Amino acid sequence: MADLNKPSEVVQFLIERRNNPGGLKKRISTRAAAARAKELAGDALSEPTWRRIESGEKVPEDRELVLMAAAITDLAHEATITPDDLYERGRPGAAALFRDWIRERTKTDPALAAIDADVTPEHVQQRLQAMLQQIRGLKGVPGDQRRQIETIMLAQIEATLNATEAQLRIFRPE
């Protein structure tokens, strides 16, 4: 039985990532993280529920862990939390659900239509999703310029893949 006085290992990890999202990035507040989770899934995870989970008062369901991980990752603008992180901390169901969520997000974003979400590693998909979110959220930058930045980023990725493919053709015996 879970110790309701102390959050589980996976929740402690999420708290740590929310408080220290990496680099010089500021701490992500509980309020901001819960608001982002609400944007992602409606009323599936409220701020009071988030706080109860972090305090250890509530054992989170897999979907709640996924929403927490997704919200923190989105606000950090990078793959701060991966499905493997959830798996390694004893929540394989949440890890599988998070993988599915990442793939679905890739499949539904028109800018990522060329990505095969079933074979592209989750951390790559998360990086692309985070970069697109950053570009789309640029304040003070007109929409046409944001779209241009997005197009250039995706073209650079495509060019890198094409160059690697050309190199492989050189080394591949035919």
C-alpha atoms as a PDB file:
ATOM      1  CA  MET A   1       0.000   0.000   0.000  1.00  0.00           C
ATOM      2  CA  ALA A   2       1.240   3.482  -0.864  1.00  0.00           C
ATOM      3  CA  ASP A   3       2.461   5.775   1.892  1.00  0.00           C
ATOM      4  CA  LEU A   4      -0.035   8.630   1.699  1.00  0.00           C
ATOM      5  CA  ASN A   5       2.379  10.887   3.581  1.00  0.00           C
ATOM      6  CA  LYS A   6       4.930  10.732   0.811  1.00  0.00           C
ATOM      7  CA  PRO A   7       4.435  10.854  -2.970  1.00  0.00           C
ATOM      8  CA  SER A   8       5.582   7.856  -5.007  1.00  0.00           C
ATOM      9  CA  GLU A   9       8.944   7.772  -6.761  1.00  0.00           C
ATOM     10  CA  VAL A  10       7.400   8.756 -10.095  1.00  0.00           C
ATOM     11  CA  VAL A  11       5.557  11.714  -8.552  1.00  0.00           C
ATOM     12  CA  GLN A  12       8.742  12.827  -6.781  1.00  0.00           C
ATOM     13  CA  PHE A  13      10.462  12.729 -10.179  1.00  0.00           C
ATOM     14  CA  LEU A  14       7.694  14.853 -11.746  1.00  0.00           C
ATOM     15  CA  ILE A  15       7.951  17.367  -8.908  1.00  0.00           C
ATOM     16  CA  GLU A  16      11.723  17.548  -9.390  1.00  0.00           C
ATOM     17  CA  ARG A  17      11.317  18.135 -13.146  1.00  0.00           C
ATOM     18  CA  ARG A  18       8.658  20.780 -12.555  1.00  0.00           C
ATOM     19  CA  ASN A  19      10.909  22.560 -10.070  1.00  0.00           C
ATOM     20  CA  ASN A  20      14.074  22.101 -12.155  1.00  0.00           C
ATOM     21  CA  PRO A  21      13.108  21.839 -15.842  1.00  0.00           C
ATOM     22  CA  GLY A  22      16.743  22.015 -16.944  1.00  0.00           C
ATOM     23  CA  GLY A  23      19.309  24.566 -17.930  1.00  0.00           C
ATOM     24  CA  LEU A  24      18.557  28.073 -16.810  1.00  0.00           C
ATOM     25  CA  LYS A  25      14.816  27.612 -17.146  1.00  0.00           C
ATOM     26  CA  LYS A  26      12.604  28.886 -14.381  1.00  0.00           C
ATOM     27  CA  ARG A  27      10.659  26.633 -12.080  1.00  0.00           C
ATOM     28  CA  ILE A  28       7.230  25.732 -13.471  1.00  0.00           C
ATOM     29  CA  SER A  29       4.497  26.611 -11.002  1.00  0.00           C
ATOM     30  CA  THR A  30       1.861  24.096 -10.038  1.00  0.00           C
ATOM     31  CA  ARG A  31      -0.771  26.539 -11.276  1.00  0.00           C
ATOM     32  CA  ALA A  32       0.851  26.876 -14.720  1.00  0.00           C
ATOM     33  CA  ALA A  33       1.390  23.117 -15.028  1.00  0.00           C
ATOM     34  CA  ALA A  34      -2.208  22.339 -14.045  1.00  0.00           C
ATOM     35  CA  ALA A  35      -3.480  25.005 -16.471  1.00  0.00           C
ATOM     36  CA  ARG A  36      -1.455  23.414 -19.292  1.00  0.00           C
ATOM     37  CA  ALA A  37      -2.818  19.967 -18.370  1.00  0.00           C
ATOM     38  CA  LYS A  38      -6.322  21.426 -18.546  1.00  0.00           C
ATOM     39  CA  GLU A  39      -5.577  22.817 -22.034  1.00  0.00           C
ATOM     40  CA  LEU A  40      -4.392  19.379 -23.099  1.00  0.00           C
ATOM     41  CA  ALA A  41      -7.331  17.381 -21.751  1.00  0.00           C
ATOM     42  CA  GLY A  42     -10.119  19.598 -20.502  1.00  0.00           C
ATOM     43  CA  ASP A  43     -11.052  19.074 -16.877  1.00  0.00           C
ATOM     44  CA  ALA A  44      -9.257  15.748 -16.578  1.00  0.00           C
ATOM     45  CA  LEU A  45      -6.711  17.142 -14.076  1.00  0.00           C
ATOM     46  CA  SER A  46      -7.510  20.164 -11.931  1.00  0.00           C
ATOM     47  CA  GLU A  47      -5.053  22.206  -9.905  1.00  0.00           C
ATOM     48  CA  PRO A  48      -6.397  20.844  -6.587  1.00  0.00           C
ATOM     49  CA  THR A  49      -6.008  17.280  -7.878  1.00  0.00           C
ATOM     50  CA  TRP A  50      -2.463  18.061  -9.055  1.00  0.00           C
ATOM     51  CA  ARG A  51      -1.623  19.383  -5.579  1.00  0.00           C
ATOM     52  CA  ARG A  52      -3.158  16.317  -3.886  1.00  0.00           C
ATOM     53  CA  ILE A  53      -1.053  14.039  -6.100  1.00  0.00           C
ATOM     54  CA  GLU A  54       2.143  15.966  -5.351  1.00  0.00           C
ATOM     55  CA  SER A  55       1.438  15.957  -1.613  1.00  0.00           C
ATOM     56  CA  GLY A  56       1.016  12.177  -1.637  1.00  0.00           C
ATOM     57  CA  GLU A  57      -2.621  12.462  -0.605  1.00  0.00           C
ATOM     58  CA  LYS A  58      -3.789  10.900  -3.898  1.00  0.00           C
ATOM     59  CA  VAL A  59      -2.217   8.041  -5.838  1.00  0.00           C
ATOM     60  CA  PRO A  60      -2.335   9.147  -9.482  1.00  0.00           C
ATOM     61  CA  GLU A  61      -3.960   7.162 -12.240  1.00  0.00           C
ATOM     62  CA  ASP A  62      -1.848   6.467 -15.330  1.00  0.00           C
ATOM     63  CA  ARG A  63      -3.680   9.109 -17.374  1.00  0.00           C
ATOM     64  CA  GLU A  64      -3.029  11.711 -14.667  1.00  0.00           C
ATOM     65  CA  LEU A  65       0.689  10.916 -14.732  1.00  0.00           C
ATOM     66  CA  VAL A  66       0.678  11.284 -18.514  1.00  0.00           C
ATOM     67  CA  LEU A  67      -1.041  14.663 -18.311  1.00  0.00           C
ATOM     68  CA  MET A  68       1.400  15.837 -15.663  1.00  0.00           C
ATOM     69  CA  ALA A  69       4.395  14.684 -17.707  1.00  0.00           C
ATOM     70  CA  ALA A  70       2.998  16.217 -20.906  1.00  0.00           C
ATOM     71  CA  ALA A  71       2.216  19.545 -19.243  1.00  0.00           C
ATOM     72  CA  ILE A  72       5.657  19.847 -17.644  1.00  0.00           C
ATOM     73  CA  THR A  73       7.353  18.856 -20.892  1.00  0.00           C
ATOM     74  CA  ASP A  74       5.307  21.370 -22.881  1.00  0.00           C
ATOM     75  CA  LEU A  75       6.082  24.207 -20.474  1.00  0.00           C
ATOM     76  CA  ALA A  76       9.788  23.310 -20.392  1.00  0.00           C
ATOM     77  CA  HIS A  77       9.808  23.369 -24.226  1.00  0.00           C
ATOM     78  CA  GLU A  78      11.839  20.178 -24.428  1.00  0.00           C
ATOM     79  CA  ALA A  79      11.615  16.466 -23.734  1.00  0.00           C
ATOM     80  CA  THR A  80      12.028  16.934 -19.987  1.00  0.00           C
ATOM     81  CA  ILE A  81      10.119  13.742 -19.218  1.00  0.00           C
ATOM     82  CA  THR A  82      10.044  10.682 -21.440  1.00  0.00           C
ATOM     83  CA  PRO A  83       7.974   7.504 -21.351  1.00  0.00           C
ATOM     84  CA  ASP A  84      11.112   5.665 -20.228  1.00  0.00           C
ATOM     85  CA  ASP A  85      11.267   7.917 -17.160  1.00  0.00           C
ATOM     86  CA  LEU A  86       7.800   6.753 -16.127  1.00  0.00           C
ATOM     87  CA  TYR A  87       8.643   3.120 -16.881  1.00  0.00           C
ATOM     88  CA  GLU A  88      11.882   3.231 -14.883  1.00  0.00           C
ATOM     89  CA  ARG A  89       9.980   4.567 -11.887  1.00  0.00           C
ATOM     90  CA  GLY A  90       7.547   1.680 -11.777  1.00  0.00           C
ATOM     91  CA  ARG A  91       4.680   2.906 -13.930  1.00  0.00           C
ATOM     92  CA  PRO A  92       4.788   0.822 -17.143  1.00  0.00           C
ATOM     93  CA  GLY A  93       1.096   1.458 -17.872  1.00  0.00           C
ATOM     94  CA  ALA A  94       1.637   5.227 -17.727  1.00  0.00           C
ATOM     95  CA  ALA A  95       4.747   4.852 -19.903  1.00  0.00           C
ATOM     96  CA  ALA A  96       2.789   2.982 -22.581  1.00  0.00           C
ATOM     97  CA  LEU A  97      -0.023   5.532 -22.419  1.00  0.00           C
ATOM     98  CA  PHE A  98       2.517   8.385 -22.716  1.00  0.00           C
ATOM     99  CA  ARG A  99       4.075   6.719 -25.794  1.00  0.00           C
ATOM    100  CA  ASP A 100       0.621   6.454 -27.367  1.00  0.00           C
ATOM    101  CA  TRP A 101      -0.121  10.086 -26.510  1.00  0.00           C
ATOM    102  CA  ILE A 102       3.144  11.291 -28.105  1.00  0.00           C
ATOM    103  CA  ARG A 103       2.504   9.250 -31.269  1.00  0.00           C
ATOM    104  CA  GLU A 104      -1.073  10.518 -31.549  1.00  0.00           C
ATOM    105  CA  ARG A 105       0.078  14.106 -31.103  1.00  0.00           C
ATOM    106  CA  THR A 106       2.617  13.648 -33.902  1.00  0.00           C
ATOM    107  CA  LYS A 107       0.039  12.045 -36.189  1.00  0.00           C
ATOM    108  CA  THR A 108      -2.480  14.866 -35.687  1.00  0.00           C
ATOM    109  CA  ASP A 109      -0.073  17.765 -36.266  1.00  0.00           C
ATOM    110  CA  PRO A 110      -0.156  18.676 -39.980  1.00  0.00           C
ATOM    111  CA  ALA A 111       3.431  19.950 -39.819  1.00  0.00           C
ATOM    112  CA  LEU A 112       4.591  16.486 -38.763  1.00  0.00           C
ATOM    113  CA  ALA A 113       2.604  14.571 -41.377  1.00  0.00           C
ATOM    114  CA  ALA A 114       5.786  13.222 -42.981  1.00  0.00           C
ATOM    115  CA  ILE A 115       6.987  11.710 -39.697  1.00  0.00           C
ATOM    116  CA  ASP A 116       6.261   8.026 -39.208  1.00  0.00           C
ATOM    117  CA  ALA A 117       5.195   8.178 -35.577  1.00  0.00           C
ATOM    118  CA  ASP A 118       5.263   4.400 -35.260  1.00  0.00           C
ATOM    119  CA  VAL A 119       9.016   4.135 -35.925  1.00  0.00           C
ATOM    120  CA  THR A 120      10.389   7.557 -34.941  1.00  0.00           C
ATOM    121  CA  PRO A 121      11.671   7.466 -31.348  1.00  0.00           C
ATOM    122  CA  GLU A 122       9.472   9.261 -28.830  1.00  0.00           C
ATOM    123  CA  HIS A 123      12.250  11.611 -27.723  1.00  0.00           C
ATOM    124  CA  VAL A 124      12.648  12.831 -31.322  1.00  0.00           C
ATOM    125  CA  GLN A 125       8.899  13.331 -31.646  1.00  0.00           C
ATOM    126  CA  GLN A 126       8.866  15.178 -28.334  1.00  0.00           C
ATOM    127  CA  ARG A 127      11.694  17.474 -29.481  1.00  0.00           C
ATOM    128  CA  LEU A 128       9.874  18.274 -32.718  1.00  0.00           C
ATOM    129  CA  GLN A 129       6.623  18.895 -30.855  1.00  0.00           C
ATOM    130  CA  ALA A 130       8.396  21.160 -28.355  1.00  0.00           C
ATOM    131  CA  MET A 131      10.124  23.163 -31.089  1.00  0.00           C
ATOM    132  CA  LEU A 132       6.872  23.617 -32.986  1.00  0.00           C
ATOM    133  CA  GLN A 133       5.138  24.718 -29.800  1.00  0.00           C
ATOM    134  CA  GLN A 134       7.899  27.248 -29.132  1.00  0.00           C
ATOM    135  CA  ILE A 135       7.688  28.611 -32.657  1.00  0.00           C
ATOM    136  CA  ARG A 136       3.902  28.785 -32.592  1.00  0.00           C
ATOM    137  CA  GLY A 137       3.963  30.527 -29.222  1.00  0.00           C
ATOM    138  CA  LEU A 138       6.393  33.302 -30.145  1.00  0.00           C
ATOM    139  CA  LYS A 139       4.924  36.523 -28.851  1.00  0.00           C
ATOM    140  CA  GLY A 140       5.191  39.631 -30.990  1.00  0.00           C
ATOM    141  CA  VAL A 141       6.056  37.642 -34.111  1.00  0.00           C
ATOM    142  CA  PRO A 142       3.471  37.783 -36.903  1.00  0.00           C
ATOM    143  CA  GLY A 143       1.831  34.504 -37.921  1.00  0.00           C
ATOM    144  CA  ASP A 144       3.405  34.478 -41.381  1.00  0.00           C
ATOM    145  CA  GLN A 145       6.886  34.764 -39.855  1.00  0.00           C
ATOM    146  CA  ARG A 146       6.139  31.981 -37.338  1.00  0.00           C
ATOM    147  CA  ARG A 147       4.995  29.766 -40.223  1.00  0.00           C
ATOM    148  CA  GLN A 148       8.172  30.626 -42.128  1.00  0.00           C
ATOM    149  CA  ILE A 149      10.360  29.661 -39.148  1.00  0.00           C
ATOM    150  CA  GLU A 150       8.402  26.404 -38.829  1.00  0.00           C
ATOM    151  CA  THR A 151       8.826  25.670 -42.547  1.00  0.00           C
ATOM    152  CA  ILE A 152      12.573  26.372 -42.434  1.00  0.00           C
ATOM    153  CA  MET A 153      13.065  24.130 -39.385  1.00  0.00           C
ATOM    154  CA  LEU A 154      11.211  21.254 -41.036  1.00  0.00           C
ATOM    155  CA  ALA A 155      13.102  21.786 -44.312  1.00  0.00           C
ATOM    156  CA  GLN A 156      16.415  21.638 -42.440  1.00  0.00           C
ATOM    157  CA  ILE A 157      15.408  18.371 -40.826  1.00  0.00           C
ATOM    158  CA  GLU A 158      14.388  16.986 -44.218  1.00  0.00           C
ATOM    159  CA  ALA A 159      17.718  18.111 -45.725  1.00  0.00           C
ATOM    160  CA  THR A 160      19.633  16.368 -42.932  1.00  0.00           C
ATOM    161  CA  LEU A 161      17.697  13.152 -43.486  1.00  0.00           C
ATOM    162  CA  ASN A 162      18.288  13.355 -47.252  1.00  0.00           C
ATOM    163  CA  ALA A 163      22.027  13.922 -46.733  1.00  0.00           C
ATOM    164  CA  THR A 164      22.245  10.924 -44.400  1.00  0.00           C
ATOM    165  CA  GLU A 165      20.321   8.817 -46.897  1.00  0.00           C
ATOM    166  CA  ALA A 166      22.769   9.845 -49.649  1.00  0.00           C
ATOM    167  CA  GLN A 167      25.717   8.895 -47.444  1.00  0.00           C
ATOM    168  CA  LEU A 168      24.180   5.505 -46.760  1.00  0.00           C
ATOM    169  CA  ARG A 169      23.738   4.894 -50.498  1.00  0.00           C
ATOM    170  CA  ILE A 170      27.460   5.533 -50.962  1.00  0.00           C
ATOM    171  CA  PHE A 171      28.382   2.941 -48.351  1.00  0.00           C
ATOM    172  CA  ARG A 172      25.684   0.409 -49.146  1.00  0.00           C
ATOM    173  CA  PRO A 173      26.827  -2.346 -51.491  1.00  0.00           C
ATOM    174  CA  GLU A 174      24.344  -2.703 -54.318  1.00  0.00           C
END
